[in-house]
C-alpha atoms as a PDB file:
ATOM      1  CA  MET A   1      -5.685   2.728  -6.669  1.00  0.00           C
ATOM      2  CA  MET A   2      -3.435   4.836  -9.354  1.00  0.00           C
ATOM      3  CA  LYS A   3      -3.938   7.990  -9.629  1.00  0.00           C
ATOM      4  CA  THR A   4      -4.991   9.601 -13.145  1.00  0.00           C
ATOM      5  CA  THR A   5      -3.273  12.324 -15.322  1.00  0.00           C
ATOM      6  CA  ARG A   6      -6.565  14.299 -14.827  1.00  0.00           C
ATOM      7  CA  ASP A   7      -6.909  13.695 -10.722  1.00  0.00           C
ATOM      8  CA  ILE A   8      -2.920  14.582 -10.310  1.00  0.00           C
ATOM      9  CA  LEU A   9      -3.970  17.981 -12.503  1.00  0.00           C
ATOM     10  CA  THR A  10      -6.951  18.171  -9.850  1.00  0.00           C
ATOM     11  CA  GLU A  11      -4.601  18.126  -7.087  1.00  0.00           C
ATOM     12  CA  ILE A  12      -2.348  20.358  -8.679  1.00  0.00           C
ATOM     13  CA  SER A  13      -5.181  23.404  -9.304  1.00  0.00           C
ATOM     14  CA  LYS A  14      -6.147  23.066  -5.842  1.00  0.00           C
ATOM     15  CA  VAL A  15      -2.800  23.262  -4.001  1.00  0.00           C
ATOM     16  CA  ILE A  16      -1.916  26.734  -6.356  1.00  0.00           C
ATOM     17  CA  ARG A  17      -5.619  27.686  -5.262  1.00  0.00           C
ATOM     18  CA  ASN A  18      -4.599  27.639  -1.860  1.00  0.00           C
ATOM     19  CA  ILE A  19      -1.031  28.863  -2.475  1.00  0.00           C
ATOM     20  CA  GLU A  20      -2.842  31.966  -4.342  1.00  0.00           C
ATOM     21  CA  GLU A  21      -5.203  32.480  -1.386  1.00  0.00           C
ATOM     22  CA  ASN A  22      -3.310  31.144   1.719  1.00  0.00           C
ATOM     23  CA  TYR A  23       0.347  31.620   1.033  1.00  0.00           C
ATOM     24  CA  PRO A  24       0.738  34.414  -1.637  1.00  0.00           C
ATOM     25  CA  GLU A  25       4.646  34.956  -0.468  1.00  0.00           C
ATOM     26  CA  LEU A  26       5.508  31.883  -2.244  1.00  0.00           C
ATOM     27  CA  GLN A  27       3.278  32.481  -5.457  1.00  0.00           C
ATOM     28  CA  LYS A  28       6.872  33.404  -6.607  1.00  0.00           C
ATOM     29  CA  TYR A  29       8.316  30.270  -6.400  1.00  0.00           C
ATOM     30  CA  LEU A  30       5.974  28.414  -8.610  1.00  0.00           C
ATOM     31  CA  GLY A  31       7.118  29.299 -11.918  1.00  0.00           C
ATOM     32  CA  GLU A  32      10.466  27.513 -10.477  1.00  0.00           C
ATOM     33  CA  THR A  33       9.437  24.859  -9.627  1.00  0.00           C
ATOM     34  CA  ARG A  34       7.182  24.224 -12.775  1.00  0.00           C
ATOM     35  CA  SER A  35       9.139  21.411 -14.160  1.00  0.00           C
ATOM     36  CA  THR A  36       5.763  19.400 -15.981  1.00  0.00           C
ATOM     37  CA  LEU A  37       6.415  21.515 -19.406  1.00  0.00           C
ATOM     38  CA  PRO A  38       6.003  18.777 -21.682  1.00  0.00           C
ATOM     39  CA  GLY A  39       9.491  17.393 -23.644  1.00  0.00           C
ATOM     40  CA  GLY A  40       8.980  17.588 -27.422  1.00  0.00           C
ATOM     41  CA  SER A  41       7.258  19.527 -30.741  1.00  0.00           C
ATOM     42  CA  ASN A  42       3.915  20.855 -29.892  1.00  0.00           C
ATOM     43  CA  ASP A  43       2.674  18.332 -31.722  1.00  0.00           C
ATOM     44  CA  ASN A  44       3.718  15.312 -29.980  1.00  0.00           C
ATOM     45  CA  ALA A  45       4.098  17.026 -26.722  1.00  0.00           C
ATOM     46  CA  GLU A  46       2.460  14.914 -24.350  1.00  0.00           C
ATOM     47  CA  LEU A  47       2.474  15.210 -19.971  1.00  0.00           C
ATOM     48  CA  ASN A  48       4.571  12.689 -18.108  1.00  0.00           C
ATOM     49  CA  ARG A  49       2.424  11.897 -14.933  1.00  0.00           C
ATOM     50  CA  GLU A  50       5.207  11.222 -13.040  1.00  0.00           C
ATOM     51  CA  ASP A  51       6.230  14.666 -14.175  1.00  0.00           C
ATOM     52  CA  LEU A  52       3.082  15.339 -12.721  1.00  0.00           C
ATOM     53  CA  GLU A  53       3.235  13.832  -9.936  1.00  0.00           C
ATOM     54  CA  ASN A  54       6.633  15.067  -8.348  1.00  0.00           C
ATOM     55  CA  TYR A  55       4.963  18.572  -9.089  1.00  0.00           C
ATOM     56  CA  LEU A  56       2.813  17.598  -7.185  1.00  0.00           C
ATOM     57  CA  ASN A  57       4.912  16.976  -4.265  1.00  0.00           C
ATOM     58  CA  GLN A  58       6.792  19.308  -5.231  1.00  0.00           C
ATOM     59  CA  LEU A  59       3.926  22.126  -4.356  1.00  0.00           C
ATOM     60  CA  ASN A  60       2.942  20.107  -1.309  1.00  0.00           C
ATOM     61  CA  GLN A  61       6.501  20.159   0.015  1.00  0.00           C
ATOM     62  CA  MET A  62       7.477  23.578  -0.503  1.00  0.00           C
ATOM     63  CA  VAL A  63       3.780  24.423   1.240  1.00  0.00           C
ATOM     64  CA  ASP A  64       5.055  22.510   4.086  1.00  0.00           C
ATOM     65  CA  LYS A  65       8.282  23.890   4.768  1.00  0.00           C
ATOM     66  CA  TYR A  66       6.930  26.895   4.778  1.00  0.00           C
ATOM     67  CA  LYS A  67       4.110  25.965   7.077  1.00  0.00           C
ATOM     68  CA  LYS A  68       6.462  24.719   9.633  1.00  0.00           C
ATOM     69  CA  GLU A  69       8.613  27.780   9.343  1.00  0.00           C
ATOM     70  CA  HIS A  70       6.143  30.288  10.028  1.00  0.00           C
END
C-alpha cells in the first residue's frame, strides 16, 4: 500500500519528536536535512510526496547512524 502525503508527514513529525526528546544533540542538523520546502511561488507551491519520503529517510538514517556511533 502506498503511503499518503499525510501519512508521511505524520511519520516525519514522529521522528522529529523522537529526536527532540531522545537525541537533542541532533536538532542542530534538522535544518540541514530540510529538503522538502516547496518550490515555486507561494501561490503554486506544492509538497512533493517523493521529496517528503526522501526527507523521512534522511531523518531515519541520521538517527540510525547516531545510535550506532553512540
